[in-house]
Amino acid sequence: MCVKITDKTDCRTCEKNISTSYAYRPCAKALKDNGAFGDCGIIDEIVATGYAECKECEEKRKKAQEGDA
């Protein structure tokens, strides 16, 4: 089974997508046949989502903290 791995990073405040990257991992059967991803006919997907803070939300938070001080 070939696997497509999607690594997403979203903003924890506004939920905007900050970055997305993909990795394609062919299985042993696909590599044996001719090395192309998906040649085995079985493709699965794993989505890993991480959270961070986008620049806009970080700036808003810092301004709010400065106003409180």
N, C-alpha and C. Protein backbone atom coordinates (compact mmCIF):
# COMPACT_ATOMS: atom_id res chain seq x y z
N MET A 1 0.84 -1.16 0.00
CA MET A 1 0.00 0.00 0.00
C MET A 1 0.90 1.24 0.00
N CYS A 2 0.73 2.08 -0.99
CA CYS A 2 1.46 3.34 -1.06
C CYS A 2 0.78 4.35 -0.15
N VAL A 3 1.57 5.26 0.40
CA VAL A 3 1.02 6.21 1.37
C VAL A 3 1.39 7.63 0.97
N LYS A 4 0.37 8.49 0.95
CA LYS A 4 0.57 9.92 0.76
C LYS A 4 0.45 10.57 2.14
N ILE A 5 1.50 11.26 2.56
CA ILE A 5 1.51 11.89 3.88
C ILE A 5 1.36 13.40 3.69
N THR A 6 0.32 13.96 4.31
CA THR A 6 0.08 15.39 4.25
C THR A 6 0.37 15.97 5.63
N ASP A 7 1.29 16.91 5.68
CA ASP A 7 1.66 17.57 6.94
C ASP A 7 1.17 19.01 6.87
N LYS A 8 0.13 19.31 7.66
CA LYS A 8 -0.48 20.63 7.64
C LYS A 8 -0.17 21.37 8.94
N THR A 9 0.01 22.68 8.83
CA THR A 9 0.15 23.53 10.01
C THR A 9 -0.89 24.63 9.89
N ASP A 10 -1.79 24.70 10.87
CA ASP A 10 -2.85 25.69 10.89
C ASP A 10 -2.65 26.63 12.07
N CYS A 11 -3.19 27.85 11.94
CA CYS A 11 -3.14 28.81 13.03
C CYS A 11 -4.13 28.37 14.11
N ARG A 12 -3.68 28.36 15.35
CA ARG A 12 -4.56 27.93 16.44
C ARG A 12 -5.62 28.97 16.75
N THR A 13 -5.43 30.23 16.33
CA THR A 13 -6.38 31.29 16.64
C THR A 13 -7.42 31.45 15.54
N CYS A 14 -6.97 31.68 14.31
CA CYS A 14 -7.91 31.94 13.21
C CYS A 14 -8.13 30.73 12.32
N GLU A 15 -7.40 29.64 12.55
CA GLU A 15 -7.52 28.38 11.80
C GLU A 15 -7.10 28.49 10.33
N LYS A 16 -6.40 29.58 9.98
CA LYS A 16 -5.89 29.74 8.62
C LYS A 16 -4.74 28.77 8.39
N ASN A 17 -4.65 28.22 7.19
CA ASN A 17 -3.57 27.30 6.86
C ASN A 17 -2.27 28.09 6.73
N ILE A 18 -1.26 27.70 7.49
CA ILE A 18 0.04 28.36 7.45
C ILE A 18 0.94 27.68 6.43
N SER A 19 0.98 26.36 6.46
CA SER A 19 1.80 25.62 5.49
C SER A 19 1.27 24.20 5.32
N THR A 20 1.55 23.66 4.15
CA THR A 20 1.18 22.28 3.85
C THR A 20 2.32 21.66 3.04
N SER A 21 2.72 20.46 3.42
CA SER A 21 3.73 19.75 2.64
C SER A 21 3.27 18.31 2.44
N TYR A 22 3.73 17.73 1.36
CA TYR A 22 3.32 16.37 1.00
C TYR A 22 4.55 15.49 0.84
N ALA A 23 4.40 14.23 1.22
CA ALA A 23 5.44 13.23 1.01
C ALA A 23 4.75 11.99 0.43
N TYR A 24 5.36 11.40 -0.57
CA TYR A 24 4.79 10.22 -1.21
C TYR A 24 5.72 9.04 -0.95
N ARG A 25 5.18 8.00 -0.34
CA ARG A 25 5.96 6.82 0.00
C ARG A 25 5.43 5.61 -0.76
N PRO A 26 6.13 5.18 -1.82
CA PRO A 26 5.69 3.99 -2.53
C PRO A 26 5.97 2.74 -1.70
N CYS A 27 5.12 1.75 -1.84
CA CYS A 27 5.30 0.50 -1.09
C CYS A 27 6.31 -0.40 -1.81
N ALA A 28 6.64 -1.50 -1.18
CA ALA A 28 7.62 -2.44 -1.74
C ALA A 28 7.13 -3.03 -3.07
N LYS A 29 5.82 -3.31 -3.17
CA LYS A 29 5.28 -3.88 -4.41
C LYS A 29 5.41 -2.88 -5.55
N ALA A 30 5.08 -1.62 -5.29
CA ALA A 30 5.20 -0.60 -6.33
C ALA A 30 6.66 -0.41 -6.74
N LEU A 31 7.55 -0.42 -5.78
CA LEU A 31 8.97 -0.28 -6.09
C LEU A 31 9.48 -1.47 -6.89
N LYS A 32 8.97 -2.67 -6.57
CA LYS A 32 9.40 -3.87 -7.28
C LYS A 32 8.92 -3.85 -8.73
N ASP A 33 7.67 -3.40 -8.96
CA ASP A 33 7.12 -3.40 -10.32
C ASP A 33 7.87 -2.42 -11.22
N ASN A 34 7.87 -1.14 -10.88
CA ASN A 34 8.66 -0.19 -11.67
C ASN A 34 9.01 1.08 -10.91
N GLY A 35 8.72 1.11 -9.62
CA GLY A 35 9.15 2.23 -8.80
C GLY A 35 8.24 3.44 -8.77
N ALA A 36 7.07 3.38 -9.40
CA ALA A 36 6.19 4.54 -9.43
C ALA A 36 5.18 4.48 -8.28
N PHE A 37 4.95 5.62 -7.66
CA PHE A 37 3.98 5.72 -6.57
C PHE A 37 2.59 5.35 -7.09
N GLY A 38 1.91 4.47 -6.40
CA GLY A 38 0.54 4.10 -6.74
C GLY A 38 0.39 2.95 -7.72
N ASP A 39 1.49 2.39 -8.19
CA ASP A 39 1.40 1.28 -9.15
C ASP A 39 0.83 0.02 -8.53
N CYS A 40 0.82 -0.08 -7.22
CA CYS A 40 0.25 -1.25 -6.56
C CYS A 40 -1.28 -1.20 -6.61
N GLY A 41 -1.84 -0.01 -6.87
CA GLY A 41 -3.29 0.15 -6.95
C GLY A 41 -3.95 0.47 -5.63
N ILE A 42 -3.18 0.51 -4.55
CA ILE A 42 -3.74 0.80 -3.23
C ILE A 42 -3.02 2.03 -2.67
N ILE A 43 -3.76 3.12 -2.52
CA ILE A 43 -3.17 4.35 -1.99
C ILE A 43 -3.92 4.75 -0.73
N ASP A 44 -3.17 4.99 0.33
CA ASP A 44 -3.76 5.46 1.58
C ASP A 44 -3.20 6.85 1.86
N GLU A 45 -3.91 7.61 2.69
CA GLU A 45 -3.46 8.96 3.02
C GLU A 45 -3.44 9.15 4.52
N ILE A 46 -2.38 9.76 5.00
CA ILE A 46 -2.25 10.12 6.40
C ILE A 46 -2.16 11.64 6.45
N VAL A 47 -3.00 12.27 7.26
CA VAL A 47 -2.97 13.72 7.42
C VAL A 47 -2.54 14.03 8.84
N ALA A 48 -1.42 14.69 8.97
CA ALA A 48 -0.92 15.11 10.29
C ALA A 48 -1.09 16.62 10.38
N THR A 49 -1.85 17.07 11.37
CA THR A 49 -2.11 18.50 11.53
C THR A 49 -1.44 19.01 12.79
N GLY A 50 -0.66 20.05 12.62
CA GLY A 50 -0.03 20.72 13.75
C GLY A 50 -0.58 22.13 13.86
N TYR A 51 -0.40 22.74 15.00
CA TYR A 51 -0.92 24.09 15.20
C TYR A 51 0.20 25.03 15.63
N ALA A 52 0.14 26.23 15.11
CA ALA A 52 1.09 27.29 15.45
C ALA A 52 0.30 28.60 15.42
N GLU A 53 1.00 29.71 15.36
CA GLU A 53 0.33 31.00 15.32
C GLU A 53 0.81 31.74 14.08
N CYS A 54 -0.13 32.23 13.25
CA CYS A 54 0.26 32.96 12.05
C CYS A 54 0.80 34.34 12.44
N LYS A 55 1.48 35.00 11.51
CA LYS A 55 2.11 36.29 11.81
C LYS A 55 1.08 37.34 12.22
N GLU A 56 -0.07 37.35 11.55
CA GLU A 56 -1.11 38.34 11.85
C GLU A 56 -1.62 38.18 13.28
N CYS A 57 -1.92 36.95 13.67
CA CYS A 57 -2.43 36.70 15.02
C CYS A 57 -1.36 36.96 16.07
N GLU A 58 -0.11 36.65 15.74
CA GLU A 58 0.99 36.91 16.67
C GLU A 58 1.15 38.41 16.91
N GLU A 59 1.06 39.21 15.82
CA GLU A 59 1.16 40.66 15.96
C GLU A 59 0.00 41.22 16.77
N LYS A 60 -1.22 40.72 16.53
CA LYS A 60 -2.38 41.17 17.30
C LYS A 60 -2.21 40.85 18.78
N ARG A 61 -1.72 39.66 19.08
CA ARG A 61 -1.51 39.25 20.47
C ARG A 61 -0.47 40.13 21.15
N LYS A 62 0.64 40.42 20.44
CA LYS A 62 1.69 41.25 21.02
C LYS A 62 1.19 42.67 21.27
N LYS A 63 0.40 43.22 20.34
CA LYS A 63 -0.15 44.57 20.53
C LYS A 63 -1.10 44.59 21.72
N ALA A 64 -1.90 43.55 21.87
CA ALA A 64 -2.83 43.47 23.00
C ALA A 64 -2.07 43.37 24.32
N GLN A 65 -0.97 42.62 24.33
CA GLN A 65 -0.16 42.49 25.55
C GLN A 65 0.52 43.81 25.89
N GLU A 66 0.98 44.55 24.87
CA GLU A 66 1.61 45.85 25.11
C GLU A 66 0.60 46.84 25.67
N GLY A 67 -0.64 46.76 25.20
CA GLY A 67 -1.69 47.64 25.68
C GLY A 67 -2.06 47.35 27.12
N ASP A 68 -1.95 46.10 27.54
CA ASP A 68 -2.28 45.71 28.91
C ASP A 68 -1.19 46.12 29.89
N ALA A 69 0.04 46.24 29.40
CA ALA A 69 1.18 46.52 30.29
C ALA A 69 1.25 47.96 30.72
